[in-house]
Amino acid sequence: MCGIVGVFDLKVKSEDLRKQVLNMSKRVRHRGPDWSGIYCGEKSILAHERLSIVDPESGGQPLYSKDGKLILAVNGEIYNHQEIRNNYEDSYDFLTKSDCEVILALYRDKKEKFLDDMNGIFAFALYDEEEDAYLIARDHIGIIPLYMGWDEHGNFYVASELKALEGFCKKIEEFPPASYLYSKDGEIKKWYTRDWMDYDNVKNNSTNIDELKTSLEDAVHRQLMSDVPYGVLLSGGLDSSITSAVAKLYAAKRIETGDQQAAWWPQLHSFVIGLEGSPDLAAARKVADHIGTVHHEINYTVQEGLDAIRDVIYHIETYDVTTIRASTPMYMIARVIKSMGIKMVLTGEGADEIFGGYLYFHKAPNAEEFHKETLRKVSRLHLYDCLRANKSLAAWGVEGRVPFLDKEFIDVAMRLNPEDKMAKDGKIEKWVVRKAFEHLLPEEVTWRQKEQFSDGVG
């Protein structure tokens, strides 16, 4: 994770706003405690708080094009950056090894028409000095948070968290997921749309479990891109158990070297937190023993959870009761993870929404209504599970990555025939993904029915 603050359409002198923007950026420094950077031009300001995961030595931000005309502040990771970099190595002068620098190359080539070329999680602000134009964009699901606001003078702001804008802006809104704002257009537009959003385009599809399996394995593999130690959240539930088991398959090698060189930290560490005696803790231990991770079990008490709630609400910026309840143990375990020198973890968010994993999906009257409900749940992830995972972890400078929400994997999973996802004819919910990965997990975990409420985190 990182934190960004940007100001555009300046109605006052930038030097008069510089100190204010630094103070705003300081409010999101927990997201990026490793380095701070700022660009202050005549017509825009970009500030960045960095959590260094890829290219920690030279990937500081804001990033600049070689001629200094393009300036970029990003919170996120571009998983296919090496492929994009290879495409532009003869036409663009890269200055760093940062994954996010490919955004500058893409923009220079295609202006705003490049967002679907990237597979990643991101929220960014780019300023083009030569064109006096800016581009703001957010990833396909809204995994990375982004907000916008306007002050009394009409200056336009964007920031990673609401708290950066509070007190400075008279109007604040969420920047919508899967969208971009190019100043020359003057309006926010959707960049992400898919054929599977229409039931008629998937109702006659086949279901290839091997393809599903390979697609998720590929998603986990590319999301292990890291130049610092990483781990996995392992709650003992199905989703985090799958991501953990697949990550273990690749943990011994560095994916940046094409899986040729040994990893700098070949032992994969898994983490779970829960109330003492929680069934999730026992399930997590069983999975960890089965797949061979170095497992860390953190216990907390109800009182400790209550004591943390004020801080949790401050960081996750919502009063939604369910989100606060689920965020509290995640916030607490993030502190432990960071204390062990780990900056990135894989998590299991998104699987329940994509595969209809919640128990009420059993009541879906037909495949069309089942599919429509998965679409609705996926479209609202940015308000709940993604918000929780991102901000709870970022509170302590830890990045969460979500393989089930990988852009390429979603295309495969959402094109499955919805009829085959349904829990009927004696099948358990999410049976297709259970079947795809039953060979990696203990049987009692693979076919364990989802808990209605759970205190384990993963």
Foldseek 3Di string as FASTA:
>chain_A
DKKKKKKFPDPDFQVVCVVLLVVLRVVLLLLAVPDKDWDGDRGMIMIMRHQDWAQNPPPDDQDAFPVRQKTKYKDWAFLCLVVLCVVCVPPGDDDGRGSVCSVVVQCVVPNPQCQVVTWIFMWMKMAGNVVRKIKTAGEAQQLQWKKWFAAPSGIIMMIRDPSSCPPGGPDMDTDAHQWMDIVVVPDIDHNDDDPLLDLVLQQPDAADLQVLLVLLLVLLLSVVQTPFDEAAEQQLADQSLQSRLSNLVLLQAHVVVVRPHGDPDSAHEYEKEFAPPFVSVVSSVQSCVQSPHNYDYHYDDPVQLVVCLVVQCVQLVDPPPVQSLQLSVLLVVLQVCVVVRHAEYEFRPDLCLLLVQAPCLLVQPDLVSSLNSSVVVSNCCSVGVSSSNQRSNSSNNHGYDHSCVTPSSSVSSSSHNSRVSHQDPPRAHRNSNLVSCVVRGDPCNSPPRDDNDGGMGD
